[in-house]
Amino acid sequence: MSGAVHRALVRLPADARGVTRVEVDEVPTPRLDPGDVLLAPVTVGVCGTDWQILRGLRHDPSRVLGHEGVARVIEAGDTGLPTGSLVTVNPTHPGDPSFLLGHNLPGLWAERTRVPATAVRGGLVLPVPEGAERSGVAALAEPLASVLYGLEIGLGTTRPAALVVWGDGIVGRLARDAWQRELPGLRTLLVGHGADAVDPHAPGLPDLLAELPAPVGVVIATPRTGTRQALTAVDRHVRGALVVDVHAGLPPGPVALSAGELDVAALRADNCGGEPRPPRVHHFDRPTGSLSLYGHRGVSGAHLRRAVELLVTGQEEPPGSVVLTHEVDLSGAADLVNSVLSSARRVVDGRRVLKTAIRIGGGDDGRG
């Protein structure tokens, strides 16, 4: 591949606020070391974490983002992966922090992506069935897998009488639907900015939280900047047993809760990529009831395969255009990303931007 180049959506140096822009540019196609795999992304997603990186809220170094999507194998060496086969990549290695696709390694927002041997050996390149390259599957499989992971841990802790989902973006809406399918009739309160949600600053929200029957399950799926507010609000106003999935990230350091000063970021990271088994859930006493707290980083291959299966077969019914709001090519992705970053509102073409799918390849041979 010496001298070869490919197109990628590349982020530019950040401005004084830490916010960047992106552009489509030609970049060198990487050489492969033994055990590496070269992929041609077909359809990829834009994640909330990507927006945080672009806004300077995270300091991940990769110039090419993207950790959600489906690709075709272009070069596989002796890995056993068939050339031309359709795969997805689990972006988080539970035992190798040097592999975090689209964060510290070039990601999937490109016509070619190298996956290093450590990830291939770790089983992070997962074959998927034809049909998984469809926009709704490719862009939603990783967030749905993350929701399934959180649901699995939560149901192993308690069966809630009510559920609070704080954050009405992609993960929040997928989580609400997954919990309601698992527990039909579950009383659910969605907190967010959509028409079907209660605004987090609404004066009546504390009363709504206090009226929920215990035990109360909570999924915090806010942007990174809203996690502390959500956690402290449910801790303050919910009475009785409280089980919280801190799905969203947050900065390290103590968070003042009624159970004490807790380093929630460290507790959240205790589960990674499906390990350990059983998952860790931390239990505390609080004046108005117990607090069980958990979170996770990444997902296991089993979670990702299950999410793809549900989406491909239609067993999972995501709320359509409410979640997958935009589909673009690489050039259109640059326009959309830059438009959102330059505006205070996440609105493009008259629609709120939730999940965006980027079509990169044609889906037949990965070279489209």
Protein backbone atom coordinates (compact mmCIF):
# COMPACT_ATOMS: atom_id res chain seq x y z
CA MET A 1 0.00 0.00 0.00
CA SER A 2 3.04 2.26 -0.26
CA GLY A 3 2.07 5.67 -1.63
CA ALA A 4 -1.66 4.89 -1.46
CA VAL A 5 -4.04 7.48 -0.08
CA HIS A 6 -7.70 7.53 0.85
CA ARG A 7 -10.25 10.12 1.86
CA ALA A 8 -11.10 10.75 5.49
CA LEU A 9 -13.06 13.19 7.59
CA VAL A 10 -10.19 14.89 9.42
CA ARG A 11 -10.49 17.25 12.35
CA LEU A 12 -8.50 20.47 12.20
CA PRO A 13 -6.56 22.13 15.03
CA ALA A 14 -8.84 23.45 17.78
CA ASP A 15 -9.54 27.13 18.28
CA ALA A 16 -9.03 29.04 21.54
CA ARG A 17 -12.24 27.51 22.95
CA GLY A 18 -11.04 24.00 22.19
CA VAL A 19 -13.64 23.58 19.42
CA THR A 20 -12.51 22.19 16.09
CA ARG A 21 -13.82 21.88 12.54
CA VAL A 22 -13.56 18.98 10.13
CA GLU A 23 -12.79 18.64 6.44
CA VAL A 24 -12.57 15.85 3.90
CA ASP A 25 -8.92 15.32 3.02
CA GLU A 26 -6.64 12.68 1.52
CA VAL A 27 -4.51 10.86 4.07
CA PRO A 28 -1.91 8.08 3.66
CA THR A 29 -3.33 4.58 3.70
CA PRO A 30 -1.47 2.74 6.47
CA ARG A 31 0.86 -0.18 5.93
CA LEU A 32 -0.12 -3.32 7.80
CA ASP A 33 1.99 -5.16 10.33
CA PRO A 34 1.54 -8.93 10.75
CA GLY A 35 -1.86 -9.69 12.23
CA ASP A 36 -3.37 -6.32 11.28
CA VAL A 37 -6.54 -5.95 9.21
CA LEU A 38 -7.42 -3.19 6.74
CA LEU A 39 -11.09 -2.29 6.54
CA ALA A 40 -13.19 -0.23 4.15
CA PRO A 41 -15.95 1.37 6.24
CA VAL A 42 -19.34 1.22 4.55
CA THR A 43 -21.68 2.99 6.99
CA VAL A 44 -20.58 4.63 10.23
CA GLY A 45 -22.22 6.62 13.00
CA VAL A 46 -21.62 9.91 14.76
CA CYS A 47 -21.66 9.33 18.51
CA GLY A 48 -22.23 11.70 21.42
CA THR A 49 -18.63 11.05 22.43
CA ASP A 50 -17.51 12.28 19.01
CA TRP A 51 -19.35 15.55 19.62
CA GLN A 52 -17.62 15.89 23.00
CA ILE A 53 -14.20 15.44 21.37
CA LEU A 54 -15.04 17.97 18.66
CA ARG A 55 -16.20 20.49 21.26
CA GLY A 56 -12.99 20.13 23.28
CA LEU A 57 -14.66 18.38 26.22
CA ARG A 58 -12.38 15.37 25.77
CA HIS A 59 -8.73 15.34 24.77
CA ASP A 60 -8.54 12.19 22.65
CA PRO A 61 -5.71 12.66 20.12
CA SER A 62 -6.96 10.92 16.96
CA ARG A 63 -7.48 13.25 13.97
CA VAL A 64 -9.95 10.78 12.44
CA LEU A 65 -12.85 9.93 14.73
CA GLY A 66 -15.55 7.28 14.49
CA HIS A 67 -15.97 4.09 16.49
CA GLU A 68 -19.43 2.92 15.38
CA GLY A 69 -20.11 1.24 12.06
CA VAL A 70 -19.86 -1.61 9.62
CA ALA A 71 -16.99 -2.21 7.17
CA ARG A 72 -15.68 -4.73 4.64
CA VAL A 73 -12.38 -6.53 5.01
CA ILE A 74 -9.90 -5.33 2.36
CA GLU A 75 -6.66 -6.97 3.59
CA ALA A 76 -6.63 -9.65 6.26
CA GLY A 77 -3.23 -11.37 6.01
CA ASP A 78 -3.33 -14.64 7.92
CA THR A 79 -6.04 -13.57 10.38
CA GLY A 80 -8.66 -15.88 8.94
CA LEU A 81 -11.09 -13.07 8.16
CA PRO A 82 -12.38 -13.50 4.58
CA THR A 83 -11.60 -10.65 2.21
CA GLY A 84 -14.80 -8.85 1.29
CA SER A 85 -16.66 -10.03 4.38
CA LEU A 86 -18.76 -7.64 6.41
CA VAL A 87 -17.61 -6.85 9.96
CA THR A 88 -18.10 -4.47 12.83
CA VAL A 89 -15.43 -3.46 15.34
CA ASN A 90 -15.79 -3.46 19.09
CA PRO A 91 -14.02 -0.15 19.78
CA THR A 92 -12.89 -0.82 23.36
CA HIS A 93 -10.33 -3.47 24.31
CA PRO A 94 -10.97 -4.61 27.91
CA GLY A 95 -7.32 -5.53 28.44
CA ASP A 96 -5.39 -3.13 26.21
CA PRO A 97 -5.99 0.58 26.81
CA SER A 98 -3.77 1.43 23.83
CA PHE A 99 -6.64 0.35 21.57
CA LEU A 100 -9.56 2.76 21.62
CA LEU A 101 -10.78 3.11 18.05
CA GLY A 102 -11.50 6.65 16.93
CA HIS A 103 -10.10 8.06 20.17
CA ASN A 104 -6.37 7.33 20.32
CA LEU A 105 -6.26 5.47 16.98
CA PRO A 106 -7.63 6.62 13.61
CA GLY A 107 -11.28 5.65 13.43
CA LEU A 108 -13.98 4.77 10.94
CA TRP A 109 -14.71 8.21 9.43
CA ALA A 110 -12.52 7.21 6.49
CA GLU A 111 -12.41 5.09 3.37
CA ARG A 112 -9.79 2.87 5.01
CA THR A 113 -9.18 1.98 8.64
CA ARG A 114 -6.38 -0.16 10.06
CA VAL A 115 -7.24 -2.39 13.01
CA PRO A 116 -4.07 -3.51 14.81
CA ALA A 117 -3.23 -7.10 15.62
CA THR A 118 -3.89 -6.69 19.35
CA ALA A 119 -7.54 -5.94 18.62
CA VAL A 120 -7.83 -8.71 16.03
CA ARG A 121 -6.36 -11.24 18.47
CA GLY A 122 -8.73 -9.96 21.12
CA GLY A 123 -11.72 -10.86 18.96
CA LEU A 124 -12.79 -7.25 18.46
CA VAL A 125 -13.32 -7.58 14.68
CA LEU A 126 -16.69 -9.30 14.54
CA PRO A 127 -18.29 -10.81 11.41
CA VAL A 128 -21.84 -9.58 10.86
CA PRO A 129 -24.54 -10.69 8.39
CA GLU A 130 -25.32 -8.97 5.12
CA GLY A 131 -27.83 -6.25 5.83
CA ALA A 132 -25.85 -4.94 8.79
CA GLU A 133 -24.46 -2.21 6.54
CA ARG A 134 -27.88 -0.54 6.43
CA SER A 135 -27.76 2.89 8.03
CA GLY A 136 -30.09 2.08 10.90
CA VAL A 137 -28.13 -1.03 11.85
CA ALA A 138 -24.60 0.28 11.39
CA ALA A 139 -25.20 3.54 13.24
CA LEU A 140 -27.28 2.12 16.09
CA ALA A 141 -25.63 -1.24 16.87
CA GLU A 142 -22.94 0.09 19.22
CA PRO A 143 -25.24 2.38 21.26
CA LEU A 144 -27.85 -0.38 21.45
CA ALA A 145 -25.17 -2.83 22.63
CA SER A 146 -24.21 -0.36 25.34
CA VAL A 147 -27.86 -0.10 26.40
CA LEU A 148 -28.13 -3.91 26.54
CA TYR A 149 -25.03 -4.05 28.75
CA GLY A 150 -26.50 -1.51 31.17
CA LEU A 151 -29.87 -3.29 31.15
CA GLU A 152 -28.21 -6.61 31.94
CA ILE A 153 -26.39 -5.16 34.96
CA GLY A 154 -29.49 -3.32 36.14
CA LEU A 155 -31.81 -6.32 35.98
CA GLY A 156 -29.22 -8.33 37.87
CA THR A 157 -29.45 -5.75 40.66
CA THR A 158 -33.18 -5.11 41.05
CA ARG A 159 -36.51 -5.07 39.28
CA PRO A 160 -37.50 -1.38 39.42
CA ALA A 161 -41.05 -0.19 40.00
CA ALA A 162 -40.27 2.99 38.07
CA LEU A 163 -37.56 4.20 35.70
CA VAL A 164 -36.01 7.60 35.15
CA VAL A 165 -34.10 8.11 31.91
CA TRP A 166 -32.19 11.39 32.17
CA GLY A 167 -31.17 12.39 28.66
CA ASP A 168 -33.39 12.03 25.59
CA GLY A 169 -30.73 11.53 22.94
CA ILE A 170 -29.87 8.28 21.17
CA VAL A 171 -28.83 6.23 24.19
CA GLY A 172 -31.59 7.61 26.38
CA ARG A 173 -34.34 6.76 23.93
CA LEU A 174 -32.93 3.33 23.16
CA ALA A 175 -32.60 2.67 26.90
CA ARG A 176 -36.16 3.74 27.62
CA ASP A 177 -37.51 1.43 24.93
CA ALA A 178 -35.29 -1.51 25.96
CA TRP A 179 -36.35 -1.29 29.62
CA GLN A 180 -40.02 -0.96 28.69
CA ARG A 181 -39.83 -3.99 26.41
CA GLU A 182 -38.18 -6.00 29.18
CA LEU A 183 -40.66 -4.81 31.83
CA PRO A 184 -43.99 -4.05 30.09
CA GLY A 185 -45.98 -1.37 31.86
CA LEU A 186 -42.93 0.03 33.65
CA ARG A 187 -43.63 3.58 34.80
CA THR A 188 -41.08 5.75 33.04
CA LEU A 189 -40.05 9.39 33.28
CA LEU A 190 -37.96 10.78 30.40
CA VAL A 191 -35.98 13.93 31.20
CA GLY A 192 -34.64 15.98 28.32
CA HIS A 193 -35.44 18.64 25.76
CA GLY A 194 -37.72 16.81 23.32
CA ALA A 195 -41.45 17.32 23.09
CA ASP A 196 -42.13 14.04 24.91
CA ALA A 197 -39.68 14.74 27.76
CA VAL A 198 -39.71 16.79 30.97
CA ASP A 199 -37.21 19.64 30.83
CA PRO A 200 -34.42 19.15 33.42
CA HIS A 201 -35.05 22.71 34.67
CA ALA A 202 -38.83 22.37 34.92
CA PRO A 203 -40.02 23.54 38.37
CA GLY A 204 -42.27 20.51 38.73
CA LEU A 205 -39.54 17.90 38.13
CA PRO A 206 -38.56 17.46 41.81
CA ASP A 207 -42.15 16.55 42.69
CA LEU A 208 -42.35 14.10 39.79
CA LEU A 209 -39.18 12.40 41.03
CA ALA A 210 -40.38 12.29 44.64
CA GLU A 211 -43.67 10.64 43.63
CA LEU A 212 -42.08 7.66 41.88
CA PRO A 213 -42.62 4.27 43.54
CA ALA A 214 -39.51 2.52 44.84
CA PRO A 215 -37.27 0.92 43.87
CA VAL A 216 -36.42 3.47 41.18
CA GLY A 217 -34.04 2.63 38.37
CA VAL A 218 -32.19 5.49 36.70
CA VAL A 219 -30.27 5.61 33.42
CA ILE A 220 -28.16 8.75 33.11
CA ALA A 221 -27.56 9.31 29.40
CA THR A 222 -26.73 13.00 29.33
CA PRO A 223 -23.83 14.75 27.66
CA ARG A 224 -20.69 14.62 29.80
CA THR A 225 -21.39 18.12 31.13
CA GLY A 226 -24.80 17.14 32.52
CA THR A 227 -23.97 13.94 34.41
CA ARG A 228 -23.33 15.52 37.80
CA GLN A 229 -26.53 17.56 37.69
CA ALA A 230 -28.60 14.50 36.83
CA LEU A 231 -27.00 12.33 39.50
CA THR A 232 -27.34 14.89 42.27
CA ALA A 233 -30.95 15.64 41.30
CA VAL A 234 -32.14 12.04 41.48
CA ASP A 235 -30.18 11.52 44.70
CA ARG A 236 -31.82 14.58 46.25
CA HIS A 237 -35.41 14.02 45.17
CA VAL A 238 -36.01 10.27 44.70
CA ARG A 239 -37.12 8.51 47.89
CA GLY A 240 -36.55 4.85 48.60
CA ALA A 241 -34.13 2.43 46.98
CA LEU A 242 -32.30 3.97 44.03
CA VAL A 243 -30.36 2.02 41.36
CA VAL A 244 -28.37 4.24 39.01
CA ASP A 245 -26.70 3.34 35.73
CA VAL A 246 -24.18 6.15 35.16
CA HIS A 247 -24.18 5.52 31.42
CA ALA A 248 -22.79 8.96 30.62
CA GLY A 249 -19.21 9.93 31.23
CA LEU A 250 -18.09 12.56 33.71
CA PRO A 251 -14.83 14.15 34.87
CA PRO A 252 -12.88 12.37 37.63
CA GLY A 253 -13.11 13.52 41.22
CA PRO A 254 -15.59 13.42 44.08
CA VAL A 255 -19.29 14.06 43.59
CA ALA A 256 -21.16 15.26 46.68
CA LEU A 257 -24.09 12.90 47.24
CA SER A 258 -26.18 12.13 50.29
CA ALA A 259 -24.19 8.89 50.65
CA GLY A 260 -20.94 10.88 50.83
CA GLU A 261 -18.23 12.13 48.49
CA LEU A 262 -17.98 9.51 45.76
CA ASP A 263 -15.57 9.32 42.83
CA VAL A 264 -18.34 8.29 40.47
CA ALA A 265 -16.11 8.32 37.37
CA ALA A 266 -13.85 5.67 38.92
CA LEU A 267 -16.81 3.55 40.04
CA ARG A 268 -18.39 3.83 36.59
CA ALA A 269 -15.23 2.48 34.92
CA ASP A 270 -15.14 -0.70 37.02
CA ASN A 271 -16.95 -2.65 34.29
CA CYS A 272 -15.26 -2.69 30.89
CA GLY A 273 -16.01 -4.66 27.75
CA GLY A 274 -18.19 -7.21 29.54
CA GLU A 275 -15.70 -7.83 32.34
CA PRO A 276 -15.65 -8.71 35.21
CA ARG A 277 -18.27 -11.40 35.71
CA PRO A 278 -20.40 -10.79 37.67
CA PRO A 279 -20.28 -7.03 37.01
CA ARG A 280 -19.48 -4.69 39.86
CA VAL A 281 -22.31 -2.71 41.46
CA HIS A 282 -21.48 -0.41 44.37
CA HIS A 283 -23.94 -0.12 47.27
CA PHE A 284 -24.26 2.80 49.68
CA ASP A 285 -26.63 4.00 52.41
CA ARG A 286 -28.40 7.33 52.03
CA PRO A 287 -30.88 9.06 54.37
CA THR A 288 -33.93 8.36 52.18
CA GLY A 289 -33.01 4.86 50.98
CA SER A 290 -30.21 2.77 49.58
CA LEU A 291 -28.12 3.72 46.55
CA SER A 292 -26.77 1.13 44.10
CA LEU A 293 -24.43 2.64 41.55
CA TYR A 294 -22.87 1.16 38.43
CA GLY A 295 -21.70 1.99 34.92
CA HIS A 296 -19.46 0.57 32.25
CA ARG A 297 -16.97 1.36 29.51
CA GLY A 298 -17.35 -0.32 26.15
CA VAL A 299 -19.30 -3.52 25.50
CA SER A 300 -18.54 -7.18 24.96
CA GLY A 301 -18.60 -8.89 21.60
CA ALA A 302 -21.72 -10.74 22.73
CA HIS A 303 -23.54 -7.46 23.41
CA LEU A 304 -22.53 -6.10 20.01
CA ARG A 305 -23.54 -9.25 18.14
CA ARG A 306 -26.89 -9.31 19.94
CA ALA A 307 -27.55 -5.68 19.02
CA VAL A 308 -26.74 -6.34 15.36
CA GLU A 309 -28.98 -9.40 15.37
CA LEU A 310 -31.91 -7.49 16.86
CA LEU A 311 -31.55 -4.66 14.36
CA VAL A 312 -30.99 -6.83 11.28
CA THR A 313 -33.93 -9.13 12.02
CA GLY A 314 -36.23 -6.29 13.00
CA GLN A 315 -36.72 -7.64 16.54
CA GLU A 316 -35.43 -4.30 17.79
CA GLU A 317 -37.67 -1.43 16.77
CA PRO A 318 -35.80 1.83 17.40
CA PRO A 319 -38.01 4.92 17.26
CA GLY A 320 -37.18 5.55 13.58
CA SER A 321 -36.55 9.12 12.58
CA VAL A 322 -36.67 10.20 16.21
CA VAL A 323 -33.22 8.62 16.63
CA LEU A 324 -31.70 8.25 13.15
CA THR A 325 -32.28 11.80 11.98
CA HIS A 326 -29.67 12.38 9.27
CA GLU A 327 -27.92 10.33 6.55
CA VAL A 328 -25.04 11.90 4.63
CA ASP A 329 -21.92 11.07 2.62
CA LEU A 330 -18.42 12.17 3.69
CA SER A 331 -18.77 15.67 2.23
CA GLY A 332 -22.24 16.02 3.70
CA ALA A 333 -20.87 14.88 7.05
CA ALA A 334 -18.32 17.69 7.02
CA ASP A 335 -21.06 20.22 6.32
CA LEU A 336 -23.31 18.80 9.04
CA VAL A 337 -20.60 18.60 11.69
CA ASN A 338 -19.32 22.11 11.01
CA SER A 339 -22.85 23.49 10.98
CA VAL A 340 -23.59 22.02 14.40
CA LEU A 341 -20.26 23.13 15.87
CA SER A 342 -20.77 26.71 14.69
CA SER A 343 -24.28 26.96 16.12
CA ALA A 344 -25.76 26.91 19.59
CA ARG A 345 -28.53 24.64 18.31
CA ARG A 346 -28.13 21.07 17.07
CA VAL A 347 -30.49 21.61 14.16
CA VAL A 348 -29.67 20.82 10.50
CA ASP A 349 -32.21 20.89 7.66
CA GLY A 350 -34.90 21.79 10.16
CA ARG A 351 -34.38 18.69 12.32
CA ARG A 352 -32.69 18.20 15.67
CA VAL A 353 -29.49 16.21 15.12
CA LEU A 354 -29.53 13.00 17.12
CA LYS A 355 -27.96 10.05 15.32
CA THR A 356 -26.23 10.70 11.99
CA ALA A 357 -25.24 7.87 9.66
CA ILE A 358 -22.37 8.51 7.23
CA ARG A 359 -22.38 6.43 4.05
CA ILE A 360 -18.78 5.97 2.96
CA GLY A 361 -18.65 2.82 0.82
CA GLY A 362 -21.09 1.30 -1.62
CA GLY A 363 -21.60 -1.81 0.49
CA ASP A 364 -20.71 -4.34 -2.22
CA ASP A 365 -16.92 -4.51 -2.10
CA GLY A 366 -16.04 -1.78 0.37
CA ARG A 367 -14.56 0.43 -2.34
CA GLY A 368 -17.74 2.36 -3.21
